[in-house]
């Protein structure tokens, strides 16, 4: 049985500080379309999604339209004007 490095690290450093925000800067949820349904329940604050294949760009666009962060969301959560 292999060692789960991620869990070992988490145990060593304590619980993940979800309250400060976790950002996934590189994920491919359109590779497994069923994973798109899980996006709203994920604990990460922001996902940067991308396609693996050029023909999946429309799927990424659709996901961004459906689950994407709006300007209002950003202003409401931080109080910072990002313009």
PDB file of N, CA and C in Angstrom:
ATOM      1  N   UNK A   1       0.851  -1.170   0.000  1.00  0.00           N
ATOM      2  CA  UNK A   1       0.000   0.000   0.000  1.00  0.00           C
ATOM      3  C   UNK A   1       0.902   1.240   0.000  1.00  0.00           C
ATOM      4  N   UNK A   2       0.645   2.172  -0.882  1.00  0.00           N
ATOM      5  CA  UNK A   2       1.471   3.373  -1.009  1.00  0.00           C
ATOM      6  C   UNK A   2       1.145   4.420   0.039  1.00  0.00           C
ATOM      7  N   UNK A   3       2.087   5.272   0.297  1.00  0.00           N
ATOM      8  CA  UNK A   3       1.903   6.370   1.243  1.00  0.00           C
ATOM      9  C   UNK A   3       1.189   7.515   0.549  1.00  0.00           C
ATOM     10  N   UNK A   4       0.147   8.023   1.157  1.00  0.00           N
ATOM     11  CA  UNK A   4      -0.564   9.187   0.630  1.00  0.00           C
ATOM     12  C   UNK A   4       0.181  10.426   1.112  1.00  0.00           C
ATOM     13  N   UNK A   5       1.036  10.961   0.259  1.00  0.00           N
ATOM     14  CA  UNK A   5       1.884  12.085   0.636  1.00  0.00           C
ATOM     15  C   UNK A   5       1.061  13.291   1.053  1.00  0.00           C
ATOM     16  N   UNK A   6      -0.033  13.571   0.367  1.00  0.00           N
ATOM     17  CA  UNK A   6      -0.875  14.715   0.696  1.00  0.00           C
ATOM     18  C   UNK A   6      -1.428  14.623   2.105  1.00  0.00           C
ATOM     19  N   UNK A   7      -1.906  13.467   2.492  1.00  0.00           N
ATOM     20  CA  UNK A   7      -2.450  13.290   3.834  1.00  0.00           C
ATOM     21  C   UNK A   7      -1.343  13.351   4.882  1.00  0.00           C
ATOM     22  N   UNK A   8      -0.191  12.763   4.587  1.00  0.00           N
ATOM     23  CA  UNK A   8       0.915  12.791   5.543  1.00  0.00           C
ATOM     24  C   UNK A   8       1.327  14.233   5.803  1.00  0.00           C
ATOM     25  N   UNK A   9       1.405  15.026   4.752  1.00  0.00           N
ATOM     26  CA  UNK A   9       1.784  16.432   4.906  1.00  0.00           C
ATOM     27  C   UNK A   9       0.731  17.177   5.719  1.00  0.00           C
ATOM     28  N   UNK A  10      -0.526  16.931   5.446  1.00  0.00           N
ATOM     29  CA  UNK A  10      -1.601  17.621   6.160  1.00  0.00           C
ATOM     30  C   UNK A  10      -1.550  17.276   7.646  1.00  0.00           C
ATOM     31  N   UNK A  11      -1.286  16.025   7.973  1.00  0.00           N
ATOM     32  CA  UNK A  11      -1.215  15.631   9.371  1.00  0.00           C
ATOM     33  C   UNK A  11      -0.054  16.323  10.071  1.00  0.00           C
ATOM     34  N   UNK A  12       1.055  16.495   9.367  1.00  0.00           N
ATOM     35  CA  UNK A  12       2.232  17.122   9.951  1.00  0.00           C
ATOM     36  C   UNK A  12       2.026  18.617  10.190  1.00  0.00           C
ATOM     37  N   UNK A  13       1.302  19.271   9.319  1.00  0.00           N
ATOM     38  CA  UNK A  13       1.191  20.723   9.399  1.00  0.00           C
ATOM     39  C   UNK A  13      -0.139  21.204   9.973  1.00  0.00           C
ATOM     40  N   UNK A  14      -0.977  20.315  10.384  1.00  0.00           N
ATOM     41  CA  UNK A  14      -2.266  20.704  10.933  1.00  0.00           C
ATOM     42  C   UNK A  14      -3.323  20.797   9.852  1.00  0.00           C
ATOM     43  N   UNK A  15      -4.517  21.171  10.235  1.00  0.00           N
ATOM     44  CA  UNK A  15      -5.613  21.227   9.263  1.00  0.00           C
ATOM     45  C   UNK A  15      -5.414  22.342   8.234  1.00  0.00           C
ATOM     46  N   UNK A  16      -5.965  22.128   7.075  1.00  0.00           N
ATOM     47  CA  UNK A  16      -5.878  23.117   6.014  1.00  0.00           C
ATOM     48  C   UNK A  16      -6.666  24.364   6.418  1.00  0.00           C
ATOM     49  N   UNK A  17      -6.087  25.546   6.288  1.00  0.00           N
ATOM     50  CA  UNK A  17      -6.770  26.776   6.713  1.00  0.00           C
ATOM     51  C   UNK A  17      -7.763  27.273   5.652  1.00  0.00           C
ATOM     52  N   UNK A  18      -8.892  26.580   5.528  1.00  0.00           N
ATOM     53  CA  UNK A  18      -9.881  26.921   4.511  1.00  0.00           C
ATOM     54  C   UNK A  18     -10.352  28.365   4.636  1.00  0.00           C
ATOM     55  N   UNK A  19     -10.355  28.924   5.825  1.00  0.00           N
ATOM     56  CA  UNK A  19     -10.880  30.267   6.045  1.00  0.00           C
ATOM     57  C   UNK A  19     -10.082  31.350   5.314  1.00  0.00           C
ATOM     58  N   UNK A  20      -8.822  31.093   4.948  1.00  0.00           N
ATOM     59  CA  UNK A  20      -8.054  32.111   4.222  1.00  0.00           C
ATOM     60  C   UNK A  20      -8.190  31.955   2.710  1.00  0.00           C
ATOM     61  N   UNK A  21      -8.839  30.903   2.289  1.00  0.00           N
ATOM     62  CA  UNK A  21      -9.092  30.699   0.871  1.00  0.00           C
ATOM     63  C   UNK A  21      -8.091  29.757   0.233  1.00  0.00           C
ATOM     64  N   UNK A  22      -8.603  28.831  -0.511  1.00  0.00           N
ATOM     65  CA  UNK A  22      -7.783  27.896  -1.259  1.00  0.00           C
ATOM     66  C   UNK A  22      -8.132  28.099  -2.719  1.00  0.00           C
ATOM     67  N   UNK A  23      -7.119  28.221  -3.545  1.00  0.00           N
ATOM     68  CA  UNK A  23      -7.304  28.489  -4.964  1.00  0.00           C
ATOM     69  C   UNK A  23      -6.623  27.398  -5.769  1.00  0.00           C
ATOM     70  N   UNK A  24      -7.350  26.769  -6.672  1.00  0.00           N
ATOM     71  CA  UNK A  24      -6.778  25.761  -7.560  1.00  0.00           C
ATOM     72  C   UNK A  24      -6.466  26.465  -8.868  1.00  0.00           C
ATOM     73  N   UNK A  25      -5.199  26.670  -9.138  1.00  0.00           N
ATOM     74  CA  UNK A  25      -4.782  27.465 -10.292  1.00  0.00           C
ATOM     75  C   UNK A  25      -4.623  26.642 -11.559  1.00  0.00           C
ATOM     76  N   UNK A  26      -4.929  25.365 -11.514  1.00  0.00           N
ATOM     77  CA  UNK A  26      -4.748  24.550 -12.715  1.00  0.00           C
ATOM     78  C   UNK A  26      -5.552  23.262 -12.564  1.00  0.00           C
ATOM     79  N   UNK A  27      -6.741  23.235 -13.149  1.00  0.00           N
ATOM     80  CA  UNK A  27      -7.515  21.999 -13.117  1.00  0.00           C
ATOM     81  C   UNK A  27      -8.232  21.798 -14.444  1.00  0.00           C
ATOM     82  N   UNK A  28      -8.589  20.566 -14.703  1.00  0.00           N
ATOM     83  CA  UNK A  28      -9.214  20.170 -15.966  1.00  0.00           C
ATOM     84  C   UNK A  28     -10.521  19.424 -15.698  1.00  0.00           C
ATOM     85  N   UNK A  29     -11.527  20.080 -15.130  1.00  0.00           N
ATOM     86  CA  UNK A  29     -12.761  19.362 -14.801  1.00  0.00           C
ATOM     87  C   UNK A  29     -13.550  18.904 -16.020  1.00  0.00           C
ATOM     88  N   UNK A  30     -13.274  19.458 -17.182  1.00  0.00           N
ATOM     89  CA  UNK A  30     -14.013  19.019 -18.372  1.00  0.00           C
ATOM     90  C   UNK A  30     -13.490  17.689 -18.905  1.00  0.00           C
ATOM     91  N   UNK A  31     -12.373  17.193 -18.361  1.00  0.00           N
ATOM     92  CA  UNK A  31     -11.892  15.866 -18.756  1.00  0.00           C
ATOM     93  C   UNK A  31     -12.861  14.785 -18.294  1.00  0.00           C
ATOM     94  N   UNK A  32     -13.498  14.998 -17.164  1.00  0.00           N
ATOM     95  CA  UNK A  32     -14.518  14.096 -16.630  1.00  0.00           C
ATOM     96  C   UNK A  32     -15.742  14.959 -16.358  1.00  0.00           C
ATOM     97  N   UNK A  33     -16.660  14.970 -17.304  1.00  0.00           N
ATOM     98  CA  UNK A  33     -17.794  15.900 -17.233  1.00  0.00           C
ATOM     99  C   UNK A  33     -18.601  15.771 -15.952  1.00  0.00           C
ATOM    100  N   UNK A  34     -18.655  14.578 -15.370  1.00  0.00           N
ATOM    101  CA  UNK A  34     -19.412  14.401 -14.132  1.00  0.00           C
ATOM    102  C   UNK A  34     -18.828  15.246 -13.001  1.00  0.00           C
ATOM    103  N   UNK A  35     -17.541  15.578 -13.072  1.00  0.00           N
ATOM    104  CA  UNK A  35     -16.923  16.368 -11.998  1.00  0.00           C
ATOM    105  C   UNK A  35     -17.403  17.820 -12.000  1.00  0.00           C
ATOM    106  N   UNK A  36     -17.942  18.299 -13.115  1.00  0.00           N
ATOM    107  CA  UNK A  36     -18.440  19.674 -13.167  1.00  0.00           C
ATOM    108  C   UNK A  36     -19.556  19.898 -12.156  1.00  0.00           C
ATOM    109  N   UNK A  37     -20.368  18.895 -11.921  1.00  0.00           N
ATOM    110  CA  UNK A  37     -21.479  19.028 -10.980  1.00  0.00           C
ATOM    111  C   UNK A  37     -20.986  19.250  -9.556  1.00  0.00           C
ATOM    112  N   UNK A  38     -19.754  18.861  -9.258  1.00  0.00           N
ATOM    113  CA  UNK A  38     -19.213  18.995  -7.898  1.00  0.00           C
ATOM    114  C   UNK A  38     -18.670  20.396  -7.623  1.00  0.00           C
ATOM    115  N   UNK A  39     -18.498  21.223  -8.641  1.00  0.00           N
ATOM    116  CA  UNK A  39     -17.877  22.538  -8.454  1.00  0.00           C
ATOM    117  C   UNK A  39     -18.574  23.377  -7.389  1.00  0.00           C
ATOM    118  N   UNK A  40     -19.894  23.498  -7.384  1.00  0.00           N
ATOM    119  CA  UNK A  40     -20.527  24.347  -6.363  1.00  0.00           C
ATOM    120  C   UNK A  40     -20.285  23.889  -4.926  1.00  0.00           C
ATOM    121  N   UNK A  41     -20.030  22.613  -4.715  1.00  0.00           N
ATOM    122  CA  UNK A  41     -19.842  22.121  -3.348  1.00  0.00           C
ATOM    123  C   UNK A  41     -18.372  22.026  -2.939  1.00  0.00           C
ATOM    124  N   UNK A  42     -17.457  22.405  -3.820  1.00  0.00           N
ATOM    125  CA  UNK A  42     -16.034  22.353  -3.485  1.00  0.00           C
ATOM    126  C   UNK A  42     -15.690  23.442  -2.477  1.00  0.00           C
ATOM    127  N   UNK A  43     -14.694  23.177  -1.658  1.00  0.00           N
ATOM    128  CA  UNK A  43     -14.304  24.134  -0.636  1.00  0.00           C
ATOM    129  C   UNK A  43     -13.319  25.172  -1.159  1.00  0.00           C
ATOM    130  N   UNK A  44     -12.759  24.951  -2.323  1.00  0.00           N
ATOM    131  CA  UNK A  44     -11.867  25.944  -2.917  1.00  0.00           C
ATOM    132  C   UNK A  44     -12.676  27.184  -3.267  1.00  0.00           C
ATOM    133  N   UNK A  45     -12.084  28.352  -3.081  1.00  0.00           N
ATOM    134  CA  UNK A  45     -12.787  29.596  -3.412  1.00  0.00           C
ATOM    135  C   UNK A  45     -12.792  29.857  -4.903  1.00  0.00           C
ATOM    136  N   UNK A  46     -11.699  29.509  -5.575  1.00  0.00           N
ATOM    137  CA  UNK A  46     -11.579  29.778  -7.009  1.00  0.00           C
ATOM    138  C   UNK A  46     -10.905  28.601  -7.691  1.00  0.00           C
ATOM    139  N   UNK A  47     -11.424  28.239  -8.848  1.00  0.00           N
ATOM    140  CA  UNK A  47     -10.788  27.245  -9.711  1.00  0.00           C
ATOM    141  C   UNK A  47     -10.421  27.931 -11.014  1.00  0.00           C
ATOM    142  N   UNK A  48      -9.238  27.681 -11.490  1.00  0.00           N
ATOM    143  CA  UNK A  48      -8.862  28.134 -12.827  1.00  0.00           C
ATOM    144  C   UNK A  48      -8.965  26.905 -13.713  1.00  0.00           C
ATOM    145  N   UNK A  49     -10.049  26.845 -14.482  1.00  0.00           N
ATOM    146  CA  UNK A  49     -10.272  25.643 -15.275  1.00  0.00           C
ATOM    147  C   UNK A  49      -9.773  25.846 -16.693  1.00  0.00           C
ATOM    148  N   UNK A  50      -9.336  24.749 -17.278  1.00  0.00           N
ATOM    149  CA  UNK A  50      -8.818  24.781 -18.641  1.00  0.00           C
ATOM    150  C   UNK A  50      -9.103  23.448 -19.315  1.00  0.00           C
ATOM    151  N   UNK A  51      -9.026  23.461 -20.618  1.00  0.00           N
ATOM    152  CA  UNK A  51      -9.268  22.261 -21.405  1.00  0.00           C
ATOM    153  C   UNK A  51      -7.953  21.541 -21.670  1.00  0.00           C
ATOM    154  N   UNK A  52      -8.049  20.233 -21.784  1.00  0.00           N
ATOM    155  CA  UNK A  52      -6.898  19.427 -22.182  1.00  0.00           C
ATOM    156  C   UNK A  52      -6.799  19.415 -23.703  1.00  0.00           C
ATOM    157  N   UNK A  53      -7.945  19.351 -24.350  1.00  0.00           N
ATOM    158  CA  UNK A  53      -7.998  19.292 -25.813  1.00  0.00           C
ATOM    159  C   UNK A  53      -8.643  20.564 -26.363  1.00  0.00           C
ATOM    160  N   UNK A  54      -8.206  20.991 -27.511  1.00  0.00           N
ATOM    161  CA  UNK A  54      -8.750  22.212 -28.121  1.00  0.00           C
ATOM    162  C   UNK A  54     -10.264  22.120 -28.298  1.00  0.00           C
ATOM    163  N   UNK A  55     -10.753  20.955 -28.620  1.00  0.00           N
ATOM    164  CA  UNK A  55     -12.194  20.815 -28.840  1.00  0.00           C
ATOM    165  C   UNK A  55     -13.007  20.933 -27.545  1.00  0.00           C
ATOM    166  N   UNK A  56     -12.342  20.949 -26.400  1.00  0.00           N
ATOM    167  CA  UNK A  56     -13.038  21.108 -25.119  1.00  0.00           C
ATOM    168  C   UNK A  56     -13.159  22.570 -24.680  1.00  0.00           C
ATOM    169  N   UNK A  57     -12.651  23.496 -25.456  1.00  0.00           N
ATOM    170  CA  UNK A  57     -12.719  24.903 -25.067  1.00  0.00           C
ATOM    171  C   UNK A  57     -14.154  25.370 -24.858  1.00  0.00           C
ATOM    172  N   UNK A  58     -15.069  24.884 -25.657  1.00  0.00           N
ATOM    173  CA  UNK A  58     -16.471  25.279 -25.488  1.00  0.00           C
ATOM    174  C   UNK A  58     -17.022  24.765 -24.154  1.00  0.00           C
ATOM    175  N   UNK A  59     -16.590  23.569 -23.738  1.00  0.00           N
ATOM    176  CA  UNK A  59     -17.009  23.046 -22.437  1.00  0.00           C
ATOM    177  C   UNK A  59     -16.492  23.931 -21.305  1.00  0.00           C
ATOM    178  N   UNK A  60     -15.268  24.411 -21.430  1.00  0.00           N
ATOM    179  CA  UNK A  60     -14.692  25.309 -20.430  1.00  0.00           C
ATOM    180  C   UNK A  60     -15.488  26.611 -20.399  1.00  0.00           C
ATOM    181  N   UNK A  61     -15.802  27.135 -21.555  1.00  0.00           N
ATOM    182  CA  UNK A  61     -16.593  28.362 -21.629  1.00  0.00           C
ATOM    183  C   UNK A  61     -17.958  28.174 -20.985  1.00  0.00           C
ATOM    184  N   UNK A  62     -18.605  27.041 -21.270  1.00  0.00           N
ATOM    185  CA  UNK A  62     -19.912  26.752 -20.670  1.00  0.00           C
ATOM    186  C   UNK A  62     -19.806  26.650 -19.146  1.00  0.00           C
ATOM    187  N   UNK A  63     -18.746  26.009 -18.657  1.00  0.00           N
ATOM    188  CA  UNK A  63     -18.551  25.875 -17.210  1.00  0.00           C
ATOM    189  C   UNK A  63     -18.327  27.244 -16.576  1.00  0.00           C
ATOM    190  N   UNK A  64     -17.564  28.090 -17.239  1.00  0.00           N
ATOM    191  CA  UNK A  64     -17.311  29.436 -16.711  1.00  0.00           C
ATOM    192  C   UNK A  64     -18.597  30.248 -16.664  1.00  0.00           C
ATOM    193  N   UNK A  65     -19.423  30.102 -17.675  1.00  0.00           N
ATOM    194  CA  UNK A  65     -20.700  30.810 -17.695  1.00  0.00           C
ATOM    195  C   UNK A  65     -21.604  30.322 -16.567  1.00  0.00           C
ATOM    196  N   UNK A  66     -21.601  29.025 -16.348  1.00  0.00           N
ATOM    197  CA  UNK A  66     -22.491  28.444 -15.335  1.00  0.00           C
ATOM    198  C   UNK A  66     -21.983  28.654 -13.907  1.00  0.00           C
ATOM    199  N   UNK A  67     -20.673  28.475 -13.697  1.00  0.00           N
ATOM    200  CA  UNK A  67     -20.127  28.476 -12.341  1.00  0.00           C
ATOM    201  C   UNK A  67     -19.171  29.629 -12.068  1.00  0.00           C
ATOM    202  N   UNK A  68     -18.922  30.461 -13.050  1.00  0.00           N
ATOM    203  CA  UNK A  68     -17.892  31.481 -12.940  1.00  0.00           C
ATOM    204  C   UNK A  68     -18.159  32.544 -11.890  1.00  0.00           C
ATOM    205  N   UNK A  69     -17.093  33.164 -11.473  1.00  0.00           N
ATOM    206  CA  UNK A  69     -17.155  34.258 -10.509  1.00  0.00           C
ATOM    207  C   UNK A  69     -17.506  35.531 -11.258  1.00  0.00           C
ATOM    208  N   UNK A  70     -18.460  36.264 -10.727  1.00  0.00           N
ATOM    209  CA  UNK A  70     -18.832  37.533 -11.341  1.00  0.00           C
ATOM    210  C   UNK A  70     -18.115  38.676 -10.622  1.00  0.00           C
ATOM    211  N   UNK A  71     -18.121  39.814 -11.222  1.00  0.00           N
ATOM    212  CA  UNK A  71     -17.524  41.002 -10.600  1.00  0.00           C
ATOM    213  C   UNK A  71     -18.208  41.299  -9.264  1.00  0.00           C
ATOM    214  N   UNK A  72     -19.505  41.112  -9.213  1.00  0.00           N
ATOM    215  CA  UNK A  72     -20.257  41.348  -7.976  1.00  0.00           C
ATOM    216  C   UNK A  72     -19.824  40.370  -6.892  1.00  0.00           C
ATOM    217  N   UNK A  73     -19.613  39.097  -7.254  1.00  0.00           N
ATOM    218  CA  UNK A  73     -19.139  38.109  -6.282  1.00  0.00           C
ATOM    219  C   UNK A  73     -17.819  38.551  -5.656  1.00  0.00           C
ATOM    220  N   UNK A  74     -16.916  39.021  -6.480  1.00  0.00           N
ATOM    221  CA  UNK A  74     -15.599  39.431  -5.998  1.00  0.00           C
ATOM    222  C   UNK A  74     -15.720  40.633  -5.073  1.00  0.00           C
ATOM    223  N   UNK A  75     -16.469  41.624  -5.460  1.00  0.00           N
ATOM    224  CA  UNK A  75     -16.627  42.819  -4.633  1.00  0.00           C
ATOM    225  C   UNK A  75     -17.309  42.486  -3.312  1.00  0.00           C
ATOM    226  N   UNK A  76     -18.311  41.615  -3.354  1.00  0.00           N
ATOM    227  CA  UNK A  76     -19.031  41.253  -2.140  1.00  0.00           C
ATOM    228  C   UNK A  76     -18.157  40.494  -1.154  1.00  0.00           C
ATOM    229  N   UNK A  77     -17.232  39.683  -1.665  1.00  0.00           N
ATOM    230  CA  UNK A  77     -16.452  38.832  -0.775  1.00  0.00           C
ATOM    231  C   UNK A  77     -15.199  39.509  -0.236  1.00  0.00           C
ATOM    232  N   UNK A  78     -14.693  40.541  -0.906  1.00  0.00           N
ATOM    233  CA  UNK A  78     -13.413  41.113  -0.477  1.00  0.00           C
ATOM    234  C   UNK A  78     -13.495  42.577  -0.113  1.00  0.00           C
ATOM    235  N   UNK A  79     -14.476  43.284  -0.660  1.00  0.00           N
ATOM    236  CA  UNK A  79     -14.545  44.721  -0.465  1.00  0.00           C
ATOM    237  C   UNK A  79     -13.536  45.481  -1.311  1.00  0.00           C
ATOM    238  N   UNK A  80     -12.803  44.764  -2.157  1.00  0.00           N
ATOM    239  CA  UNK A  80     -11.777  45.374  -3.009  1.00  0.00           C
ATOM    240  C   UNK A  80     -12.354  45.596  -4.403  1.00  0.00           C
ATOM    241  N   UNK A  81     -12.091  46.742  -4.985  1.00  0.00           N
ATOM    242  CA  UNK A  81     -12.489  47.009  -6.362  1.00  0.00           C
ATOM    243  C   UNK A  81     -11.360  46.537  -7.266  1.00  0.00           C
ATOM    244  N   UNK A  82     -11.581  45.456  -8.000  1.00  0.00           N
ATOM    245  CA  UNK A  82     -10.539  44.817  -8.824  1.00  0.00           C
ATOM    246  C   UNK A  82     -10.393  45.429 -10.197  1.00  0.00           C
ATOM    247  N   UNK A  83     -11.170  46.488 -10.505  1.00  0.00           N
ATOM    248  CA  UNK A  83     -11.068  47.075 -11.851  1.00  0.00           C
ATOM    249  C   UNK A  83      -9.808  47.842 -12.031  1.00  0.00           C
TER     250      UNK A  83
END
